[in-house]
Amino acid sequence: QVQLVESGGGLVQVGESLRLSCAASGSIAGINAMGWYRQAPGKERELVAIITGGGDTNVADSVKGRFTISRDDTGSAVYLQMNSLNPEDTAVYYCHAVAGRGNEYKYWGQGTQVTVSS
């Protein structure tokens, strides 16, 4: 089992920045990748960015160039640096982790609200 706890959300103005953090605990040695998804009101949850244990990243086109995903050396934390925020970035942001040989174990955090006000 893996537990994920997000922090760092909040209310910001257009153009400002936020840094989200996600701390993993439990069986973290089995984690293959961690990332961030978001869900805006009335919309489906969508991938924002992921990072593998080897450091490979995949970032959604909608945030490429503005958001950066990183992780600590122990693999127990992942971060999302969000710059040049706009109202379309308003959503609940969820930390996600996958584990197991076939990535069959999927874990979610409780979510953190990000609101960008114009």
C-alpha atoms as a PDB file:
ATOM      1  CA  GLN A   1       0.000   0.000   0.000  1.00  0.00           C
ATOM      2  CA  VAL A   2       1.060   3.547  -0.758  1.00  0.00           C
ATOM      3  CA  GLN A   3      -0.352   6.672   0.816  1.00  0.00           C
ATOM      4  CA  LEU A   4      -0.141  10.009  -0.994  1.00  0.00           C
ATOM      5  CA  VAL A   5      -0.617  13.403   0.615  1.00  0.00           C
ATOM      6  CA  GLU A   6      -0.696  16.587  -1.457  1.00  0.00           C
ATOM      7  CA  SER A   7      -0.009  20.116  -0.319  1.00  0.00           C
ATOM      8  CA  GLY A   8       0.572  23.535  -1.820  1.00  0.00           C
ATOM      9  CA  GLY A   9      -2.723  24.376  -3.458  1.00  0.00           C
ATOM     10  CA  GLY A  10      -4.433  27.711  -3.019  1.00  0.00           C
ATOM     11  CA  LEU A  11      -5.844  30.840  -4.599  1.00  0.00           C
ATOM     12  CA  VAL A  12      -3.613  32.890  -6.887  1.00  0.00           C
ATOM     13  CA  GLN A  13      -3.950  35.625  -9.484  1.00  0.00           C
ATOM     14  CA  VAL A  14      -3.417  35.216 -13.211  1.00  0.00           C
ATOM     15  CA  GLY A  15       0.269  34.962 -14.050  1.00  0.00           C
ATOM     16  CA  GLU A  16       1.356  33.887 -10.592  1.00  0.00           C
ATOM     17  CA  SER A  17       3.009  30.619  -9.586  1.00  0.00           C
ATOM     18  CA  LEU A  18       2.343  27.730  -7.224  1.00  0.00           C
ATOM     19  CA  ARG A  19       4.326  24.657  -6.246  1.00  0.00           C
ATOM     20  CA  LEU A  20       2.471  21.481  -5.385  1.00  0.00           C
ATOM     21  CA  SER A  21       4.077  18.752  -3.327  1.00  0.00           C
ATOM     22  CA  CYS A  22       3.102  15.138  -2.869  1.00  0.00           C
ATOM     23  CA  ALA A  23       4.595  12.977  -0.145  1.00  0.00           C
ATOM     24  CA  ALA A  24       4.423   9.214  -0.532  1.00  0.00           C
ATOM     25  CA  SER A  25       4.626   6.746   2.331  1.00  0.00           C
ATOM     26  CA  GLY A  26       4.225   3.023   2.754  1.00  0.00           C
ATOM     27  CA  SER A  27       5.597   0.639   0.116  1.00  0.00           C
ATOM     28  CA  ILE A  28       7.365   3.334  -1.881  1.00  0.00           C
ATOM     29  CA  ALA A  29      10.086   0.977  -3.136  1.00  0.00           C
ATOM     30  CA  GLY A  30       7.548  -0.502  -5.555  1.00  0.00           C
ATOM     31  CA  ILE A  31       6.539   2.789  -7.140  1.00  0.00           C
ATOM     32  CA  ASN A  32       7.310   2.930 -10.874  1.00  0.00           C
ATOM     33  CA  ALA A  33       6.009   6.397 -11.637  1.00  0.00           C
ATOM     34  CA  MET A  34       4.351   9.335  -9.941  1.00  0.00           C
ATOM     35  CA  GLY A  35       2.459  12.212 -11.383  1.00  0.00           C
ATOM     36  CA  TRP A  36      -0.290  14.756 -11.292  1.00  0.00           C
ATOM     37  CA  TYR A  37      -3.794  14.768 -12.698  1.00  0.00           C
ATOM     38  CA  ARG A  38      -6.393  17.484 -12.445  1.00  0.00           C
ATOM     39  CA  GLN A  39     -10.151  17.725 -12.629  1.00  0.00           C
ATOM     40  CA  ALA A  40     -12.008  20.927 -13.304  1.00  0.00           C
ATOM     41  CA  PRO A  41     -15.733  21.290 -12.506  1.00  0.00           C
ATOM     42  CA  GLY A  42     -17.833  19.469 -15.070  1.00  0.00           C
ATOM     43  CA  LYS A  43     -14.804  17.958 -16.775  1.00  0.00           C
ATOM     44  CA  GLU A  44     -13.079  14.604 -16.716  1.00  0.00           C
ATOM     45  CA  ARG A  45      -9.871  14.047 -14.825  1.00  0.00           C
ATOM     46  CA  GLU A  46      -6.879  14.649 -17.092  1.00  0.00           C
ATOM     47  CA  LEU A  47      -3.190  13.954 -16.971  1.00  0.00           C
ATOM     48  CA  VAL A  48      -0.990  16.942 -16.193  1.00  0.00           C
ATOM     49  CA  ALA A  49       2.462  15.384 -15.882  1.00  0.00           C
ATOM     50  CA  ILE A  50       4.156  12.167 -14.864  1.00  0.00           C
ATOM     51  CA  ILE A  51       7.709  11.191 -14.000  1.00  0.00           C
ATOM     52  CA  THR A  52       9.149   7.686 -13.932  1.00  0.00           C
ATOM     53  CA  GLY A  53      11.648   6.232 -11.533  1.00  0.00           C
ATOM     54  CA  GLY A  54      14.290   6.786 -14.186  1.00  0.00           C
ATOM     55  CA  GLY A  55      13.419  10.456 -14.457  1.00  0.00           C
ATOM     56  CA  ASP A  56      11.576  10.367 -17.779  1.00  0.00           C
ATOM     57  CA  THR A  57       8.726  12.853 -17.913  1.00  0.00           C
ATOM     58  CA  ASN A  58       5.543  13.306 -19.869  1.00  0.00           C
ATOM     59  CA  VAL A  59       3.825  16.689 -19.709  1.00  0.00           C
ATOM     60  CA  ALA A  60       0.444  17.600 -21.171  1.00  0.00           C
ATOM     61  CA  ASP A  61       0.558  19.986 -24.115  1.00  0.00           C
ATOM     62  CA  SER A  62      -1.765  22.378 -22.319  1.00  0.00           C
ATOM     63  CA  VAL A  63       0.815  23.061 -19.611  1.00  0.00           C
ATOM     64  CA  LYS A  64       4.074  22.382 -21.440  1.00  0.00           C
ATOM     65  CA  GLY A  65       6.517  25.221 -20.954  1.00  0.00           C
ATOM     66  CA  ARG A  66       4.666  26.452 -17.857  1.00  0.00           C
ATOM     67  CA  PHE A  67       4.598  23.429 -15.527  1.00  0.00           C
ATOM     68  CA  THR A  68       7.579  21.340 -14.444  1.00  0.00           C
ATOM     69  CA  ILE A  69       7.430  18.003 -12.669  1.00  0.00           C
ATOM     70  CA  SER A  70      10.269  16.754 -10.497  1.00  0.00           C
ATOM     71  CA  ARG A  71      10.909  14.216  -7.779  1.00  0.00           C
ATOM     72  CA  ASP A  72      13.296  13.818  -4.907  1.00  0.00           C
ATOM     73  CA  ASP A  73      16.167  11.330  -4.994  1.00  0.00           C
ATOM     74  CA  THR A  74      14.452   8.930  -2.609  1.00  0.00           C
ATOM     75  CA  GLY A  75      11.378   8.599  -4.795  1.00  0.00           C
ATOM     76  CA  SER A  76       9.144   9.484  -1.893  1.00  0.00           C
ATOM     77  CA  ALA A  77       8.043  12.895  -3.129  1.00  0.00           C
ATOM     78  CA  VAL A  78       6.991  14.516  -6.372  1.00  0.00           C
ATOM     79  CA  TYR A  79       6.567  18.193  -7.108  1.00  0.00           C
ATOM     80  CA  LEU A  80       4.729  20.278  -9.666  1.00  0.00           C
ATOM     81  CA  GLN A  81       6.014  23.775 -10.278  1.00  0.00           C
ATOM     82  CA  MET A  82       3.265  25.761 -11.961  1.00  0.00           C
ATOM     83  CA  ASN A  83       4.135  29.101 -13.545  1.00  0.00           C
ATOM     84  CA  SER A  84       2.117  31.610 -15.551  1.00  0.00           C
ATOM     85  CA  LEU A  85      -1.129  30.258 -14.166  1.00  0.00           C
ATOM     86  CA  ASN A  86      -4.374  31.135 -15.911  1.00  0.00           C
ATOM     87  CA  PRO A  87      -8.040  30.546 -15.044  1.00  0.00           C
ATOM     88  CA  GLU A  88      -8.110  27.398 -17.202  1.00  0.00           C
ATOM     89  CA  ASP A  89      -5.702  25.825 -14.709  1.00  0.00           C
ATOM     90  CA  THR A  90      -8.333  26.019 -11.970  1.00  0.00           C
ATOM     91  CA  ALA A  91      -9.013  22.466 -10.809  1.00  0.00           C
ATOM     92  CA  VAL A  92      -8.500  19.940  -8.077  1.00  0.00           C
ATOM     93  CA  TYR A  93      -5.025  18.500  -8.528  1.00  0.00           C
ATOM     94  CA  TYR A  94      -4.479  14.869  -7.599  1.00  0.00           C
ATOM     95  CA  CYS A  95      -1.219  13.096  -6.950  1.00  0.00           C
ATOM     96  CA  HIS A  96      -1.008   9.659  -8.560  1.00  0.00           C
ATOM     97  CA  ALA A  97       1.359   6.733  -8.250  1.00  0.00           C
ATOM     98  CA  VAL A  98       1.589   3.390 -10.004  1.00  0.00           C
ATOM     99  CA  ALA A  99       3.357   0.312  -8.706  1.00  0.00           C
ATOM    100  CA  GLY A 100       3.747  -3.357  -9.454  1.00  0.00           C
ATOM    101  CA  ARG A 101       5.365  -5.190 -12.359  1.00  0.00           C
ATOM    102  CA  GLY A 102       2.503  -4.258 -14.664  1.00  0.00           C
ATOM    103  CA  ASN A 103       1.636  -0.990 -12.998  1.00  0.00           C
ATOM    104  CA  GLU A 104      -1.460  -2.761 -11.718  1.00  0.00           C
ATOM    105  CA  TYR A 105      -1.479  -0.919  -8.423  1.00  0.00           C
ATOM    106  CA  LYS A 106      -2.756   2.632  -8.685  1.00  0.00           C
ATOM    107  CA  TYR A 107      -2.904   5.101  -5.851  1.00  0.00           C
ATOM    108  CA  TRP A 108      -4.445   8.547  -5.527  1.00  0.00           C
ATOM    109  CA  GLY A 109      -4.089  11.385  -3.088  1.00  0.00           C
ATOM    110  CA  GLN A 110      -7.063  13.264  -1.703  1.00  0.00           C
ATOM    111  CA  GLY A 111      -6.556  16.229  -4.009  1.00  0.00           C
ATOM    112  CA  THR A 112      -5.655  19.863  -3.509  1.00  0.00           C
ATOM    113  CA  GLN A 113      -7.610  22.803  -4.913  1.00  0.00           C
ATOM    114  CA  VAL A 114      -5.909  25.286  -7.203  1.00  0.00           C
ATOM    115  CA  THR A 115      -7.899  28.377  -8.083  1.00  0.00           C
ATOM    116  CA  VAL A 116      -6.637  31.030 -10.471  1.00  0.00           C
ATOM    117  CA  SER A 117      -8.528  34.287 -10.300  1.00  0.00           C
ATOM    118  CA  SER A 118      -8.634  36.876 -13.029  1.00  0.00           C
END
